[in-house]
Amino acid sequence: MGYKIVLKKQAHQSLWEAMDWYEEQSKGLGSELSQEFYNTLQTLTENPQRFMVVFDPFRRILLKRFPYKIVFAIDEPRQRVVVTTLWHVKRNPETLKKLLKK
């Protein structure tokens, strides 16, 4: 049995913002980002523990084509992966740390 994926409001918001930006750059690119995001989430359903811890208890998985990482925590008792945000890899990690403390 795989883990259930739960997206927090911040994860939805950061995905929509990134999709809008990419769509402005090239028609259809925002949809491609969305597709890669959701495909990447599927890999988390089987073994989310294999991904690197960035700020305990938060982990990250990198998107392959786009310069983003999905930041998530594992809720073992409920067998859930809680996705906190989609974060551009060049953004300041200290800003991410502050966001995760909220």
PDB file of N, CA and C in Angstrom:
ATOM      1  N   MET A   1       0.840  -1.191   0.000  1.00  0.00           N
ATOM      2  CA  MET A   1       0.000   0.000   0.000  1.00  0.00           C
ATOM      3  C   MET A   1       0.878   1.244   0.000  1.00  0.00           C
ATOM      4  N   GLY A   2       0.597   2.193  -0.896  1.00  0.00           N
ATOM      5  CA  GLY A   2       1.395   3.392  -1.000  1.00  0.00           C
ATOM      6  C   GLY A   2       0.916   4.496  -0.073  1.00  0.00           C
ATOM      7  N   TYR A   3       1.727   5.517   0.018  1.00  0.00           N
ATOM      8  CA  TYR A   3       1.393   6.690   0.816  1.00  0.00           C
ATOM      9  C   TYR A   3       0.395   7.563   0.055  1.00  0.00           C
ATOM     10  N   LYS A   4      -0.453   8.233   0.792  1.00  0.00           N
ATOM     11  CA  LYS A   4      -1.378   9.195   0.213  1.00  0.00           C
ATOM     12  C   LYS A   4      -0.653  10.539   0.114  1.00  0.00           C
ATOM     13  N   ILE A   5      -0.892  11.273  -0.953  1.00  0.00           N
ATOM     14  CA  ILE A   5      -0.290  12.590  -1.137  1.00  0.00           C
ATOM     15  C   ILE A   5      -1.282  13.663  -0.693  1.00  0.00           C
ATOM     16  N   VAL A   6      -0.815  14.590   0.145  1.00  0.00           N
ATOM     17  CA  VAL A   6      -1.621  15.725   0.601  1.00  0.00           C
ATOM     18  C   VAL A   6      -0.858  16.995   0.237  1.00  0.00           C
ATOM     19  N   LEU A   7      -1.516  17.889  -0.495  1.00  0.00           N
ATOM     20  CA  LEU A   7      -0.891  19.160  -0.875  1.00  0.00           C
ATOM     21  C   LEU A   7      -1.401  20.272   0.023  1.00  0.00           C
ATOM     22  N   LYS A   8      -0.464  20.962   0.672  1.00  0.00           N
ATOM     23  CA  LYS A   8      -0.840  22.130   1.479  1.00  0.00           C
ATOM     24  C   LYS A   8      -1.128  23.303   0.536  1.00  0.00           C
ATOM     25  N   LYS A   9      -1.801  24.304   1.064  1.00  0.00           N
ATOM     26  CA  LYS A   9      -2.171  25.489   0.285  1.00  0.00           C
ATOM     27  C   LYS A   9      -0.941  26.127  -0.374  1.00  0.00           C
ATOM     28  N   GLN A  10       0.155  26.220   0.360  1.00  0.00           N
ATOM     29  CA  GLN A  10       1.389  26.811  -0.164  1.00  0.00           C
ATOM     30  C   GLN A  10       1.906  26.031  -1.380  1.00  0.00           C
ATOM     31  N   ALA A  11       1.749  24.730  -1.372  1.00  0.00           N
ATOM     32  CA  ALA A  11       2.200  23.903  -2.506  1.00  0.00           C
ATOM     33  C   ALA A  11       1.380  24.234  -3.750  1.00  0.00           C
ATOM     34  N   HIS A  12       0.069  24.323  -3.589  1.00  0.00           N
ATOM     35  CA  HIS A  12      -0.792  24.703  -4.721  1.00  0.00           C
ATOM     36  C   HIS A  12      -0.413  26.080  -5.248  1.00  0.00           C
ATOM     37  N   GLN A  13      -0.258  27.028  -4.332  1.00  0.00           N
ATOM     38  CA  GLN A  13       0.040  28.399  -4.722  1.00  0.00           C
ATOM     39  C   GLN A  13       1.374  28.497  -5.456  1.00  0.00           C
ATOM     40  N   SER A  14       2.403  27.852  -4.937  1.00  0.00           N
ATOM     41  CA  SER A  14       3.717  27.932  -5.588  1.00  0.00           C
ATOM     42  C   SER A  14       3.697  27.245  -6.954  1.00  0.00           C
ATOM     43  N   LEU A  15       2.932  26.154  -7.089  1.00  0.00           N
ATOM     44  CA  LEU A  15       2.804  25.493  -8.389  1.00  0.00           C
ATOM     45  C   LEU A  15       2.107  26.415  -9.379  1.00  0.00           C
ATOM     46  N   TRP A  16       1.004  27.023  -8.988  1.00  0.00           N
ATOM     47  CA  TRP A  16       0.271  27.922  -9.891  1.00  0.00           C
ATOM     48  C   TRP A  16       1.130  29.103 -10.324  1.00  0.00           C
ATOM     49  N   GLU A  17       1.884  29.669  -9.396  1.00  0.00           N
ATOM     50  CA  GLU A  17       2.752  30.803  -9.740  1.00  0.00           C
ATOM     51  C   GLU A  17       3.812  30.389 -10.756  1.00  0.00           C
ATOM     52  N   ALA A  18       4.418  29.238 -10.542  1.00  0.00           N
ATOM     53  CA  ALA A  18       5.446  28.751 -11.467  1.00  0.00           C
ATOM     54  C   ALA A  18       4.825  28.425 -12.826  1.00  0.00           C
ATOM     55  N   MET A  19       3.651  27.817 -12.815  1.00  0.00           N
ATOM     56  CA  MET A  19       2.976  27.500 -14.071  1.00  0.00           C
ATOM     57  C   MET A  19       2.661  28.773 -14.857  1.00  0.00           C
ATOM     58  N   ASP A  20       2.163  29.794 -14.168  1.00  0.00           N
ATOM     59  CA  ASP A  20       1.860  31.065 -14.831  1.00  0.00           C
ATOM     60  C   ASP A  20       3.110  31.660 -15.460  1.00  0.00           C
ATOM     61  N   TRP A  21       4.221  31.640 -14.730  1.00  0.00           N
ATOM     62  CA  TRP A  21       5.465  32.211 -15.253  1.00  0.00           C
ATOM     63  C   TRP A  21       5.928  31.458 -16.494  1.00  0.00           C
ATOM     64  N   TYR A  22       5.921  30.132 -16.421  1.00  0.00           N
ATOM     65  CA  TYR A  22       6.360  29.330 -17.576  1.00  0.00           C
ATOM     66  C   TYR A  22       5.415  29.485 -18.759  1.00  0.00           C
ATOM     67  N   GLU A  23       4.135  29.619 -18.491  1.00  0.00           N
ATOM     68  CA  GLU A  23       3.153  29.791 -19.573  1.00  0.00           C
ATOM     69  C   GLU A  23       3.393  31.110 -20.298  1.00  0.00           C
ATOM     70  N   GLU A  24       3.812  32.144 -19.561  1.00  0.00           N
ATOM     71  CA  GLU A  24       4.144  33.429 -20.183  1.00  0.00           C
ATOM     72  C   GLU A  24       5.381  33.312 -21.064  1.00  0.00           C
ATOM     73  N   GLN A  25       6.280  32.415 -20.707  1.00  0.00           N
ATOM     74  CA  GLN A  25       7.503  32.244 -21.482  1.00  0.00           C
ATOM     75  C   GLN A  25       7.234  31.514 -22.789  1.00  0.00           C
ATOM     76  N   SER A  26       6.370  30.490 -22.708  1.00  0.00           N
ATOM     77  CA  SER A  26       6.067  29.684 -23.897  1.00  0.00           C
ATOM     78  C   SER A  26       4.754  28.944 -23.677  1.00  0.00           C
ATOM     79  N   LYS A  27       3.830  29.113 -24.601  1.00  0.00           N
ATOM     80  CA  LYS A  27       2.518  28.485 -24.468  1.00  0.00           C
ATOM     81  C   LYS A  27       2.672  26.964 -24.317  1.00  0.00           C
ATOM     82  N   GLY A  28       2.028  26.425 -23.291  1.00  0.00           N
ATOM     83  CA  GLY A  28       2.069  24.986 -23.037  1.00  0.00           C
ATOM     84  C   GLY A  28       3.122  24.567 -22.021  1.00  0.00           C
ATOM     85  N   LEU A  29       4.094  25.440 -21.756  1.00  0.00           N
ATOM     86  CA  LEU A  29       5.171  25.090 -20.833  1.00  0.00           C
ATOM     87  C   LEU A  29       4.682  24.988 -19.389  1.00  0.00           C
ATOM     88  N   GLY A  30       3.718  25.805 -19.019  1.00  0.00           N
ATOM     89  CA  GLY A  30       3.136  25.721 -17.680  1.00  0.00           C
ATOM     90  C   GLY A  30       2.466  24.376 -17.450  1.00  0.00           C
ATOM     91  N   SER A  31       1.769  23.888 -18.462  1.00  0.00           N
ATOM     92  CA  SER A  31       1.132  22.569 -18.370  1.00  0.00           C
ATOM     93  C   SER A  31       2.176  21.461 -18.261  1.00  0.00           C
ATOM     94  N   GLU A  32       3.290  21.620 -18.953  1.00  0.00           N
ATOM     95  CA  GLU A  32       4.362  20.625 -18.871  1.00  0.00           C
ATOM     96  C   GLU A  32       4.949  20.584 -17.457  1.00  0.00           C
ATOM     97  N   LEU A  33       5.101  21.758 -16.849  1.00  0.00           N
ATOM     98  CA  LEU A  33       5.572  21.812 -15.466  1.00  0.00           C
ATOM     99  C   LEU A  33       4.588  21.089 -14.550  1.00  0.00           C
ATOM    100  N   SER A  34       3.313  21.371 -14.716  1.00  0.00           N
ATOM    101  CA  SER A  34       2.290  20.729 -13.895  1.00  0.00           C
ATOM    102  C   SER A  34       2.339  19.212 -14.046  1.00  0.00           C
ATOM    103  N   GLN A  35       2.459  18.743 -15.280  1.00  0.00           N
ATOM    104  CA  GLN A  35       2.520  17.302 -15.528  1.00  0.00           C
ATOM    105  C   GLN A  35       3.731  16.681 -14.840  1.00  0.00           C
ATOM    106  N   GLU A  36       4.885  17.342 -14.942  1.00  0.00           N
ATOM    107  CA  GLU A  36       6.078  16.807 -14.285  1.00  0.00           C
ATOM    108  C   GLU A  36       5.930  16.821 -12.767  1.00  0.00           C
ATOM    109  N   PHE A  37       5.326  17.863 -12.231  1.00  0.00           N
ATOM    110  CA  PHE A  37       5.086  17.958 -10.794  1.00  0.00           C
ATOM    111  C   PHE A  37       4.271  16.755 -10.321  1.00  0.00           C
ATOM    112  N   TYR A  38       3.147  16.498 -10.976  1.00  0.00           N
ATOM    113  CA  TYR A  38       2.277  15.405 -10.545  1.00  0.00           C
ATOM    114  C   TYR A  38       2.889  14.028 -10.813  1.00  0.00           C
ATOM    115  N   ASN A  39       3.654  13.894 -11.884  1.00  0.00           N
ATOM    116  CA  ASN A  39       4.362  12.635 -12.127  1.00  0.00           C
ATOM    117  C   ASN A  39       5.398  12.382 -11.028  1.00  0.00           C
ATOM    118  N   THR A  40       6.069  13.437 -10.605  1.00  0.00           N
ATOM    119  CA  THR A  40       7.073  13.316  -9.549  1.00  0.00           C
ATOM    120  C   THR A  40       6.416  12.934  -8.229  1.00  0.00           C
ATOM    121  N   LEU A  41       5.245  13.481  -7.968  1.00  0.00           N
ATOM    122  CA  LEU A  41       4.521  13.112  -6.747  1.00  0.00           C
ATOM    123  C   LEU A  41       4.232  11.616  -6.712  1.00  0.00           C
ATOM    124  N   GLN A  42       3.974  11.028  -7.856  1.00  0.00           N
ATOM    125  CA  GLN A  42       3.679   9.600  -7.904  1.00  0.00           C
ATOM    126  C   GLN A  42       4.859   8.772  -7.389  1.00  0.00           C
ATOM    127  N   THR A  43       6.080   9.238  -7.613  1.00  0.00           N
ATOM    128  CA  THR A  43       7.245   8.492  -7.131  1.00  0.00           C
ATOM    129  C   THR A  43       7.339   8.521  -5.607  1.00  0.00           C
ATOM    130  N   LEU A  44       6.684   9.505  -4.986  1.00  0.00           N
ATOM    131  CA  LEU A  44       6.704   9.607  -3.522  1.00  0.00           C
ATOM    132  C   LEU A  44       5.765   8.614  -2.849  1.00  0.00           C
ATOM    133  N   THR A  45       4.814   8.082  -3.573  1.00  0.00           N
ATOM    134  CA  THR A  45       3.803   7.231  -2.955  1.00  0.00           C
ATOM    135  C   THR A  45       4.353   5.899  -2.475  1.00  0.00           C
ATOM    136  N   GLU A  46       5.436   5.428  -3.050  1.00  0.00           N
ATOM    137  CA  GLU A  46       5.966   4.104  -2.695  1.00  0.00           C
ATOM    138  C   GLU A  46       7.029   4.127  -1.599  1.00  0.00           C
ATOM    139  N   ASN A  47       7.996   5.035  -1.706  1.00  0.00           N
ATOM    140  CA  ASN A  47       9.093   5.031  -0.739  1.00  0.00           C
ATOM    141  C   ASN A  47       9.624   6.454  -0.514  1.00  0.00           C
ATOM    142  N   PRO A  48       8.866   7.311   0.158  1.00  0.00           N
ATOM    143  CA  PRO A  48       9.302   8.700   0.330  1.00  0.00           C
ATOM    144  C   PRO A  48      10.533   8.857   1.229  1.00  0.00           C
ATOM    145  N   GLN A  49      10.848   7.852   2.032  1.00  0.00           N
ATOM    146  CA  GLN A  49      11.997   7.935   2.939  1.00  0.00           C
ATOM    147  C   GLN A  49      13.335   7.968   2.194  1.00  0.00           C
ATOM    148  N   ARG A  50      13.351   7.568   0.954  1.00  0.00           N
ATOM    149  CA  ARG A  50      14.619   7.509   0.213  1.00  0.00           C
ATOM    150  C   ARG A  50      15.140   8.882  -0.212  1.00  0.00           C
ATOM    151  N   PHE A  51      14.327   9.923  -0.032  1.00  0.00           N
ATOM    152  CA  PHE A  51      14.737  11.251  -0.477  1.00  0.00           C
ATOM    153  C   PHE A  51      15.377  12.049   0.653  1.00  0.00           C
ATOM    154  N   MET A  52      16.290  12.917   0.259  1.00  0.00           N
ATOM    155  CA  MET A  52      17.153  13.657   1.175  1.00  0.00           C
ATOM    156  C   MET A  52      16.392  14.585   2.120  1.00  0.00           C
ATOM    157  N   VAL A  53      16.809  14.582   3.374  1.00  0.00           N
ATOM    158  CA  VAL A  53      16.281  15.515   4.368  1.00  0.00           C
ATOM    159  C   VAL A  53      16.967  16.864   4.141  1.00  0.00           C
ATOM    160  N   VAL A  54      16.159  17.934   4.052  1.00  0.00           N
ATOM    161  CA  VAL A  54      16.732  19.281   3.907  1.00  0.00           C
ATOM    162  C   VAL A  54      16.720  20.023   5.228  1.00  0.00           C
ATOM    163  N   PHE A  55      15.597  20.020   5.906  1.00  0.00           N
ATOM    164  CA  PHE A  55      15.470  20.587   7.244  1.00  0.00           C
ATOM    165  C   PHE A  55      14.527  19.637   7.983  1.00  0.00           C
ATOM    166  N   ASP A  56      15.062  18.903   8.930  1.00  0.00           N
ATOM    167  CA  ASP A  56      14.295  17.875   9.620  1.00  0.00           C
ATOM    168  C   ASP A  56      12.977  18.442  10.136  1.00  0.00           C
ATOM    169  N   PRO A  57      11.837  17.882   9.837  1.00  0.00           N
ATOM    170  CA  PRO A  57      11.572  16.585   9.198  1.00  0.00           C
ATOM    171  C   PRO A  57      11.304  16.683   7.696  1.00  0.00           C
ATOM    172  N   PHE A  58      11.645  17.806   7.080  1.00  0.00           N
ATOM    173  CA  PHE A  58      11.311  18.023   5.671  1.00  0.00           C
ATOM    174  C   PHE A  58      12.359  17.427   4.741  1.00  0.00           C
ATOM    175  N   ARG A  59      11.862  16.851   3.670  1.00  0.00           N
ATOM    176  CA  ARG A  59      12.697  16.234   2.639  1.00  0.00           C
ATOM    177  C   ARG A  59      12.421  16.934   1.318  1.00  0.00           C
ATOM    178  N   ARG A  60      13.208  16.558   0.306  1.00  0.00           N
ATOM    179  CA  ARG A  60      12.980  17.146  -1.003  1.00  0.00           C
ATOM    180  C   ARG A  60      13.215  16.108  -2.096  1.00  0.00           C
ATOM    181  N   ILE A  61      12.500  16.333  -3.188  1.00  0.00           N
ATOM    182  CA  ILE A  61      12.709  15.568  -4.414  1.00  0.00           C
ATOM    183  C   ILE A  61      12.809  16.585  -5.545  1.00  0.00           C
ATOM    184  N   LEU A  62      13.792  16.411  -6.400  1.00  0.00           N
ATOM    185  CA  LEU A  62      14.014  17.344  -7.501  1.00  0.00           C
ATOM    186  C   LEU A  62      13.183  16.965  -8.716  1.00  0.00           C
ATOM    187  N   LEU A  63      12.673  17.983  -9.400  1.00  0.00           N
ATOM    188  CA  LEU A  63      12.052  17.744 -10.696  1.00  0.00           C
ATOM    189  C   LEU A  63      13.180  17.520 -11.697  1.00  0.00           C
ATOM    190  N   LYS A  64      12.927  16.750 -12.727  1.00  0.00           N
ATOM    191  CA  LYS A  64      13.980  16.426 -13.696  1.00  0.00           C
ATOM    192  C   LYS A  64      14.221  17.546 -14.701  1.00  0.00           C
ATOM    193  N   ARG A  65      13.164  18.097 -15.249  1.00  0.00           N
ATOM    194  CA  ARG A  65      13.299  19.067 -16.333  1.00  0.00           C
ATOM    195  C   ARG A  65      13.335  20.518 -15.864  1.00  0.00           C
ATOM    196  N   PHE A  66      12.659  20.800 -14.788  1.00  0.00           N
ATOM    197  CA  PHE A  66      12.535  22.172 -14.303  1.00  0.00           C
ATOM    198  C   PHE A  66      13.365  22.354 -13.031  1.00  0.00           C
ATOM    199  N   PRO A  67      13.884  23.569 -12.795  1.00  0.00           N
ATOM    200  CA  PRO A  67      14.766  23.802 -11.643  1.00  0.00           C
ATOM    201  C   PRO A  67      14.008  24.011 -10.328  1.00  0.00           C
ATOM    202  N   TYR A  68      13.243  23.008  -9.949  1.00  0.00           N
ATOM    203  CA  TYR A  68      12.433  23.074  -8.736  1.00  0.00           C
ATOM    204  C   TYR A  68      12.603  21.815  -7.923  1.00  0.00           C
ATOM    205  N   LYS A  69      12.321  21.967  -6.638  1.00  0.00           N
ATOM    206  CA  LYS A  69      12.246  20.805  -5.756  1.00  0.00           C
ATOM    207  C   LYS A  69      10.905  20.840  -5.042  1.00  0.00           C
ATOM    208  N   ILE A  70      10.380  19.657  -4.809  1.00  0.00           N
ATOM    209  CA  ILE A  70       9.161  19.508  -4.039  1.00  0.00           C
ATOM    210  C   ILE A  70       9.597  19.237  -2.605  1.00  0.00           C
ATOM    211  N   VAL A  71       9.135  20.055  -1.681  1.00  0.00           N
ATOM    212  CA  VAL A  71       9.496  19.920  -0.270  1.00  0.00           C
ATOM    213  C   VAL A  71       8.313  19.283   0.457  1.00  0.00           C
ATOM    214  N   PHE A  72       8.603  18.226   1.209  1.00  0.00           N
ATOM    215  CA  PHE A  72       7.530  17.459   1.832  1.00  0.00           C
ATOM    216  C   PHE A  72       7.969  16.885   3.174  1.00  0.00           C
ATOM    217  N   ALA A  73       6.999  16.445   3.943  1.00  0.00           N
ATOM    218  CA  ALA A  73       7.239  15.732   5.202  1.00  0.00           C
ATOM    219  C   ALA A  73       6.432  14.435   5.142  1.00  0.00           C
ATOM    220  N   ILE A  74       6.873  13.469   5.897  1.00  0.00           N
ATOM    221  CA  ILE A  74       6.199  12.174   5.934  1.00  0.00           C
ATOM    222  C   ILE A  74       5.424  12.052   7.241  1.00  0.00           C
ATOM    223  N   ASP A  75       4.156  11.722   7.127  1.00  0.00           N
ATOM    224  CA  ASP A  75       3.294  11.467   8.276  1.00  0.00           C
ATOM    225  C   ASP A  75       3.103   9.954   8.336  1.00  0.00           C
ATOM    226  N   GLU A  76       4.036   9.286   9.022  1.00  0.00           N
ATOM    227  CA  GLU A  76       4.033   7.817   9.073  1.00  0.00           C
ATOM    228  C   GLU A  76       2.749   7.224   9.650  1.00  0.00           C
ATOM    229  N   PRO A  77       2.255   7.735  10.795  1.00  0.00           N
ATOM    230  CA  PRO A  77       1.057   7.115  11.367  1.00  0.00           C
ATOM    231  C   PRO A  77      -0.131   7.071  10.400  1.00  0.00           C
ATOM    232  N   ARG A  78      -0.232   8.095   9.568  1.00  0.00           N
ATOM    233  CA  ARG A  78      -1.363   8.165   8.627  1.00  0.00           C
ATOM    234  C   ARG A  78      -0.983   7.706   7.224  1.00  0.00           C
ATOM    235  N   GLN A  79       0.305   7.311   7.043  1.00  0.00           N
ATOM    236  CA  GLN A  79       0.796   6.881   5.731  1.00  0.00           C
ATOM    237  C   GLN A  79       0.533   7.955   4.671  1.00  0.00           C
ATOM    238  N   ARG A  80       0.950   9.212   5.033  1.00  0.00           N
ATOM    239  CA  ARG A  80       0.757  10.342   4.134  1.00  0.00           C
ATOM    240  C   ARG A  80       2.080  11.040   3.853  1.00  0.00           C
ATOM    241  N   VAL A  81       2.172  11.607   2.662  1.00  0.00           N
ATOM    242  CA  VAL A  81       3.245  12.523   2.300  1.00  0.00           C
ATOM    243  C   VAL A  81       2.591  13.891   2.200  1.00  0.00           C
ATOM    244  N   VAL A  82       3.039  14.821   3.050  1.00  0.00           N
ATOM    245  CA  VAL A  82       2.457  16.160   3.090  1.00  0.00           C
ATOM    246  C   VAL A  82       3.402  17.099   2.333  1.00  0.00           C
ATOM    247  N   VAL A  83       2.943  17.552   1.170  1.00  0.00           N
ATOM    248  CA  VAL A  83       3.747  18.426   0.315  1.00  0.00           C
ATOM    249  C   VAL A  83       3.535  19.859   0.769  1.00  0.00           C
ATOM    250  N   THR A  84       4.638  20.488   1.158  1.00  0.00           N
ATOM    251  CA  THR A  84       4.590  21.844   1.698  1.00  0.00           C
ATOM    252  C   THR A  84       4.692  22.911   0.624  1.00  0.00           C
ATOM    253  N   THR A  85       5.643  22.745  -0.306  1.00  0.00           N
ATOM    254  CA  THR A  85       5.844  23.771  -1.324  1.00  0.00           C
ATOM    255  C   THR A  85       6.609  23.216  -2.520  1.00  0.00           C
ATOM    256  N   LEU A  86       6.541  23.954  -3.605  1.00  0.00           N
ATOM    257  CA  LEU A  86       7.389  23.763  -4.769  1.00  0.00           C
ATOM    258  C   LEU A  86       8.369  24.923  -4.722  1.00  0.00           C
ATOM    259  N   TRP A  87       9.664  24.634  -4.671  1.00  0.00           N
ATOM    260  CA  TRP A  87      10.667  25.664  -4.398  1.00  0.00           C
ATOM    261  C   TRP A  87      11.713  25.708  -5.504  1.00  0.00           C
ATOM    262  N   HIS A  88      11.956  26.891  -6.062  1.00  0.00           N
ATOM    263  CA  HIS A  88      12.997  27.045  -7.084  1.00  0.00           C
ATOM    264  C   HIS A  88      14.357  26.789  -6.438  1.00  0.00           C
ATOM    265  N   VAL A  89      15.190  26.008  -7.086  1.00  0.00           N
ATOM    266  CA  VAL A  89      16.459  25.600  -6.478  1.00  0.00           C
ATOM    267  C   VAL A  89      17.438  26.747  -6.268  1.00  0.00           C
ATOM    268  N   LYS A  90      17.257  27.858  -6.976  1.00  0.00           N
ATOM    269  CA  LYS A  90      18.174  28.987  -6.803  1.00  0.00           C
ATOM    270  C   LYS A  90      17.712  29.986  -5.750  1.00  0.00           C
ATOM    271  N   ARG A  91      16.545  29.749  -5.174  1.00  0.00           N
ATOM    272  CA  ARG A  91      16.078  30.639  -4.104  1.00  0.00           C
ATOM    273  C   ARG A  91      16.863  30.362  -2.821  1.00  0.00           C
ATOM    274  N   ASN A  92      16.925  31.351  -1.990  1.00  0.00           N
ATOM    275  CA  ASN A  92      17.682  31.267  -0.747  1.00  0.00           C
ATOM    276  C   ASN A  92      17.119  30.165   0.171  1.00  0.00           C
ATOM    277  N   PRO A  93      17.960  29.210   0.569  1.00  0.00           N
ATOM    278  CA  PRO A  93      17.486  28.143   1.454  1.00  0.00           C
ATOM    279  C   PRO A  93      17.072  28.649   2.836  1.00  0.00           C
ATOM    280  N   GLU A  94      17.618  29.767   3.270  1.00  0.00           N
ATOM    281  CA  GLU A  94      17.210  30.330   4.561  1.00  0.00           C
ATOM    282  C   GLU A  94      15.759  30.810   4.517  1.00  0.00           C
ATOM    283  N   THR A  95      15.338  31.318   3.360  1.00  0.00           N
ATOM    284  CA  THR A  95      13.946  31.736   3.189  1.00  0.00           C
ATOM    285  C   THR A  95      13.043  30.512   3.274  1.00  0.00           C
ATOM    286  N   LEU A  96      13.477  29.415   2.667  1.00  0.00           N
ATOM    287  CA  LEU A  96      12.716  28.168   2.755  1.00  0.00           C
ATOM    288  C   LEU A  96      12.632  27.696   4.191  1.00  0.00           C
ATOM    289  N   LYS A  97      13.714  27.787   4.894  1.00  0.00           N
ATOM    290  CA  LYS A  97      13.742  27.351   6.298  1.00  0.00           C
ATOM    291  C   LYS A  97      12.721  28.134   7.134  1.00  0.00           C
ATOM    292  N   LYS A  98      12.642  29.450   6.890  1.00  0.00           N
ATOM    293  CA  LYS A  98      11.679  30.288   7.611  1.00  0.00           C
ATOM    294  C   LYS A  98      10.249  29.898   7.263  1.00  0.00           C
ATOM    295  N   LEU A  99      10.016  29.622   5.987  1.00  0.00           N
ATOM    296  CA  LEU A  99       8.683  29.205   5.551  1.00  0.00           C
ATOM    297  C   LEU A  99       8.268  27.894   6.229  1.00  0.00           C
ATOM    298  N   LEU A 100       9.195  26.979   6.346  1.00  0.00           N
ATOM    299  CA  LEU A 100       8.891  25.666   6.915  1.00  0.00           C
ATOM    300  C   LEU A 100       8.655  25.728   8.423  1.00  0.00           C
ATOM    301  N   LYS A 101       9.180  26.755   9.075  1.00  0.00           N
ATOM    302  CA  LYS A 101       8.976  26.897  10.532  1.00  0.00           C
ATOM    303  C   LYS A 101       7.591  27.393  10.873  1.00  0.00           C
ATOM    304  N   LYS A 102       6.873  27.937   9.894  1.00  0.00           N
ATOM    305  CA  LYS A 102       5.518  28.483  10.145  1.00  0.00           C
ATOM    306  C   LYS A 102       4.535  27.388  10.448  1.00  0.00           C
TER     307      LYS A 102
END
